[in-house]
């Protein structure tokens, strides 16, 4: 609707085309010379960068994260950091549908644009005992896809896991800190939270976790 928020559920990653583009520029074709029966084609997809142009975006990859947690996360980033757009890659959730995620984002004051991308790919190898995270391909693919398909014209991006809040301790929002950084990048320490004296409830929320480890866990 004119003047209202933009919300889009992108239900198929390999549909769409450029009507005005010449045929040679509309499709990639892949073939195995040794097995000619193995062929595949992929339509070039339209850009959706206009949805997020000039926006302060929260980017998230999520699988079955409770919708209350999603709401709390988006609302926190909107109020504390000034996020006004949300881009979520849903990694084959089974607890709800894409429209449920969009409905959750639409309820939050200040969110002007949101999109949910079905990202139904295996995550890849986890960190393992050595904590070497170099093969979680679904994450790297989603981040690069988001950059090129949606975020080339945005103002800035916050990317965290669904269970992480970036709490400023300098009086600046994360976007203000990024704007003041010569490199345009800001790193921050992470502290694990514990449910000490937390209420007995089936669903703990961020506000229920009040105690953090003194030493940082990792550097983001």
Protein backbone atom coordinates (compact mmCIF):
# COMPACT_ATOMS: atom_id res chain seq x y z
CA UNK A 1 0.00 0.00 0.00
CA UNK A 2 1.21 3.48 -0.79
CA UNK A 3 2.89 5.08 2.19
CA UNK A 4 2.94 1.89 4.22
CA UNK A 5 5.75 -0.49 5.15
CA UNK A 6 7.19 -2.80 2.53
CA UNK A 7 6.93 -6.47 3.46
CA UNK A 8 7.78 -9.29 1.07
CA UNK A 9 8.06 -13.05 1.49
CA UNK A 10 10.37 -14.35 -1.22
CA UNK A 11 9.01 -17.83 -1.62
CA UNK A 12 11.18 -19.09 -4.47
CA UNK A 13 14.83 -18.19 -4.93
CA UNK A 14 15.06 -19.34 -8.55
CA UNK A 15 12.06 -17.61 -10.09
CA UNK A 16 11.89 -14.19 -11.65
CA UNK A 17 13.48 -12.54 -14.66
CA UNK A 18 14.36 -9.24 -16.29
CA UNK A 19 11.68 -8.72 -18.97
CA UNK A 20 13.74 -6.14 -20.85
CA UNK A 21 17.03 -8.06 -20.76
CA UNK A 22 18.23 -9.95 -23.84
CA UNK A 23 17.80 -13.72 -23.59
CA UNK A 24 21.53 -14.36 -23.31
CA UNK A 25 21.63 -12.36 -20.06
CA UNK A 26 18.63 -13.99 -18.40
CA UNK A 27 19.80 -17.49 -17.60
CA UNK A 28 22.86 -19.46 -16.55
CA UNK A 29 23.12 -23.02 -17.81
CA UNK A 30 25.34 -25.67 -16.24
CA UNK A 31 26.35 -28.97 -17.82
CA UNK A 32 28.75 -31.81 -17.11
CA UNK A 33 30.69 -32.69 -20.30
CA UNK A 34 31.20 -36.26 -19.07
CA UNK A 35 27.51 -36.75 -18.21
CA UNK A 36 25.43 -34.78 -20.68
CA UNK A 37 22.24 -35.81 -18.91
CA UNK A 38 23.33 -33.74 -15.91
CA UNK A 39 22.13 -30.26 -16.73
CA UNK A 40 20.75 -27.38 -14.73
CA UNK A 41 19.72 -23.81 -15.40
CA UNK A 42 19.24 -20.79 -13.17
CA UNK A 43 17.30 -17.64 -13.98
CA UNK A 44 19.08 -14.39 -13.14
CA UNK A 45 17.15 -12.84 -10.28
CA UNK A 46 15.92 -9.25 -9.97
CA UNK A 47 17.55 -6.96 -7.43
CA UNK A 48 15.63 -6.00 -4.30
CA UNK A 49 18.16 -3.41 -3.13
CA UNK A 50 15.51 -0.69 -3.47
CA UNK A 51 13.67 -2.16 -0.46
CA UNK A 52 16.64 -1.43 1.80
CA UNK A 53 18.15 1.65 0.16
CA UNK A 54 19.27 4.07 2.85
CA UNK A 55 18.02 1.75 5.63
CA UNK A 56 19.64 0.61 8.85
CA UNK A 57 19.21 -3.13 8.52
CA UNK A 58 19.19 -6.05 10.95
CA UNK A 59 20.35 -9.19 9.11
CA UNK A 60 19.59 -12.56 10.71
CA UNK A 61 19.78 -16.25 9.82
CA UNK A 62 17.29 -18.23 11.87
CA UNK A 63 15.84 -21.71 12.25
CA UNK A 64 12.82 -22.29 14.53
CA UNK A 65 13.73 -19.36 16.77
CA UNK A 66 10.65 -18.71 18.91
CA UNK A 67 8.65 -15.80 17.50
CA UNK A 68 8.70 -14.07 20.89
CA UNK A 69 12.52 -14.14 20.80
CA UNK A 70 12.48 -12.77 17.25
CA UNK A 71 10.16 -9.99 18.31
CA UNK A 72 12.33 -9.11 21.33
CA UNK A 73 15.48 -9.10 19.17
CA UNK A 74 14.00 -6.86 16.46
CA UNK A 75 12.40 -4.52 19.00
CA UNK A 76 15.67 -4.16 20.93
CA UNK A 77 17.64 -3.30 17.80
CA UNK A 78 14.96 -0.85 16.66
CA UNK A 79 14.85 0.99 20.01
CA UNK A 80 18.54 0.88 20.96
CA UNK A 81 20.29 1.05 17.60
CA UNK A 82 17.71 2.65 15.32
CA UNK A 83 17.17 -0.35 13.04
CA UNK A 84 14.35 0.40 10.61
CA UNK A 85 14.55 -2.62 8.30
CA UNK A 86 14.81 -6.38 8.78
CA UNK A 87 16.16 -9.09 6.47
CA UNK A 88 15.77 -12.65 7.77
CA UNK A 89 17.05 -15.82 6.10
CA UNK A 90 14.89 -18.68 7.36
CA UNK A 91 16.84 -21.95 7.41
CA UNK A 92 13.93 -24.38 6.85
CA UNK A 93 11.96 -23.66 10.02
CA UNK A 94 9.21 -26.15 10.82
CA UNK A 95 7.55 -24.34 13.75
CA UNK A 96 5.93 -21.60 11.65
CA UNK A 97 5.78 -20.16 8.14
CA UNK A 98 7.46 -17.21 6.44
CA UNK A 99 4.34 -15.09 6.78
CA UNK A 100 4.44 -15.58 10.56
CA UNK A 101 7.94 -14.10 10.65
CA UNK A 102 6.82 -11.14 8.56
CA UNK A 103 3.79 -10.59 10.77
CA UNK A 104 6.09 -10.48 13.80
CA UNK A 105 8.32 -7.85 12.17
CA UNK A 106 5.29 -5.81 11.07
CA UNK A 107 4.12 -5.40 14.68
CA UNK A 108 7.24 -3.51 15.73
CA UNK A 109 7.21 0.26 15.70
CA UNK A 110 9.85 1.81 13.48
CA UNK A 111 10.29 -1.12 11.09
CA UNK A 112 9.66 0.23 7.59
CA UNK A 113 10.85 -2.64 5.38
CA UNK A 114 11.20 -6.37 5.94
CA UNK A 115 11.82 -9.47 3.85
CA UNK A 116 12.10 -13.16 4.64
CA UNK A 117 14.16 -15.40 2.36
CA UNK A 118 13.65 -19.19 2.46
CA UNK A 119 17.20 -20.51 2.84
CA UNK A 120 16.63 -24.25 2.82
CA UNK A 121 20.23 -25.41 2.65
CA UNK A 122 22.30 -27.65 4.96
CA UNK A 123 24.22 -25.50 7.42
CA UNK A 124 27.57 -27.23 6.91
CA UNK A 125 30.16 -28.46 9.41
CA UNK A 126 30.03 -26.88 12.87
CA UNK A 127 33.03 -25.57 14.76
CA UNK A 128 33.86 -28.88 16.46
CA UNK A 129 36.20 -29.32 19.44
CA UNK A 130 38.77 -26.94 17.97
CA UNK A 131 36.13 -24.20 17.44
CA UNK A 132 37.30 -23.64 13.85
CA UNK A 133 34.28 -22.18 12.07
CA UNK A 134 35.21 -22.32 8.39
CA UNK A 135 32.70 -24.71 6.81
CA UNK A 136 29.27 -23.35 7.84
CA UNK A 137 28.47 -22.73 4.19
CA UNK A 138 24.78 -21.83 4.58
CA UNK A 139 25.79 -18.83 6.71
CA UNK A 140 28.48 -17.53 4.36
CA UNK A 141 26.23 -18.04 1.34
CA UNK A 142 23.35 -16.20 2.98
CA UNK A 143 25.51 -13.23 3.96
CA UNK A 144 26.91 -12.87 0.46
CA UNK A 145 23.47 -13.35 -1.11
CA UNK A 146 22.07 -10.65 1.18
CA UNK A 147 24.87 -8.23 0.32
CA UNK A 148 24.41 -8.52 -3.44
CA UNK A 149 20.65 -9.04 -3.69
CA UNK A 150 19.34 -6.71 -0.99
CA UNK A 151 21.90 -4.56 0.82
CA UNK A 152 24.16 -2.83 -1.69
CA UNK A 153 22.41 0.51 -1.14
CA UNK A 154 21.58 0.27 2.57
CA UNK A 155 23.15 2.65 5.11
CA UNK A 156 24.53 -0.04 7.43
CA UNK A 157 23.94 -3.58 8.70
CA UNK A 158 23.81 -5.26 12.10
CA UNK A 159 24.45 -9.00 11.87
CA UNK A 160 24.16 -11.18 14.96
CA UNK A 161 22.85 -14.59 15.93
CA UNK A 162 19.25 -14.85 17.14
CA UNK A 163 20.37 -15.16 20.78
CA UNK A 164 22.68 -12.12 20.77
CA UNK A 165 22.03 -8.51 21.77
CA UNK A 166 24.64 -5.82 21.11
CA UNK A 167 24.50 -3.68 24.27
CA UNK A 168 26.33 -0.35 23.88
CA UNK A 169 28.48 0.82 26.79
CA UNK A 170 29.62 4.12 25.28
CA UNK A 171 26.30 5.91 24.85
CA UNK A 172 26.47 5.40 21.09
CA UNK A 173 24.37 3.09 18.98
CA UNK A 174 26.20 0.50 16.91
CA UNK A 175 25.46 2.48 13.77
CA UNK A 176 26.92 5.65 15.32
CA UNK A 177 30.03 3.70 16.29
CA UNK A 178 30.35 2.35 12.75
CA UNK A 179 29.95 5.83 11.26
CA UNK A 180 32.77 7.07 13.50
CA UNK A 181 35.06 4.17 12.57
CA UNK A 182 37.64 4.93 9.84
CA UNK A 183 37.22 1.39 8.47
CA UNK A 184 33.42 1.33 8.68
CA UNK A 185 33.66 -1.83 10.81
CA UNK A 186 33.25 -2.26 14.56
CA UNK A 187 34.25 -5.28 16.64
CA UNK A 188 32.87 -6.10 20.06
CA UNK A 189 33.35 -8.62 22.83
CA UNK A 190 30.71 -11.22 23.66
CA UNK A 191 29.73 -12.27 27.19
CA UNK A 192 27.76 -15.43 27.90
CA UNK A 193 24.62 -14.94 30.01
CA UNK A 194 23.43 -17.38 32.67
CA UNK A 195 19.97 -18.10 34.04
CA UNK A 196 20.87 -17.41 37.66
CA UNK A 197 17.71 -16.54 39.63
CA UNK A 198 15.78 -16.67 36.37
CA UNK A 199 12.03 -17.32 36.62
CA UNK A 200 10.75 -20.85 36.25
CA UNK A 201 9.13 -20.55 32.85
CA UNK A 202 9.09 -22.71 29.71
CA UNK A 203 10.37 -19.78 27.65
CA UNK A 204 13.14 -17.61 29.04
CA UNK A 205 13.51 -14.20 27.40
CA UNK A 206 16.42 -11.80 27.17
CA UNK A 207 15.07 -9.75 30.08
CA UNK A 208 15.18 -12.85 32.32
CA UNK A 209 18.96 -13.28 31.97
CA UNK A 210 20.65 -10.78 34.25
CA UNK A 211 24.05 -12.33 35.02
CA UNK A 212 26.95 -12.36 32.56
CA UNK A 213 30.37 -13.96 32.69
CA UNK A 214 33.01 -11.43 33.63
CA UNK A 215 35.50 -12.46 30.92
CA UNK A 216 34.56 -12.07 27.24
CA UNK A 217 33.82 -15.25 25.34
CA UNK A 218 34.90 -14.16 21.87
CA UNK A 219 35.42 -11.11 19.70
CA UNK A 220 32.83 -10.39 17.01
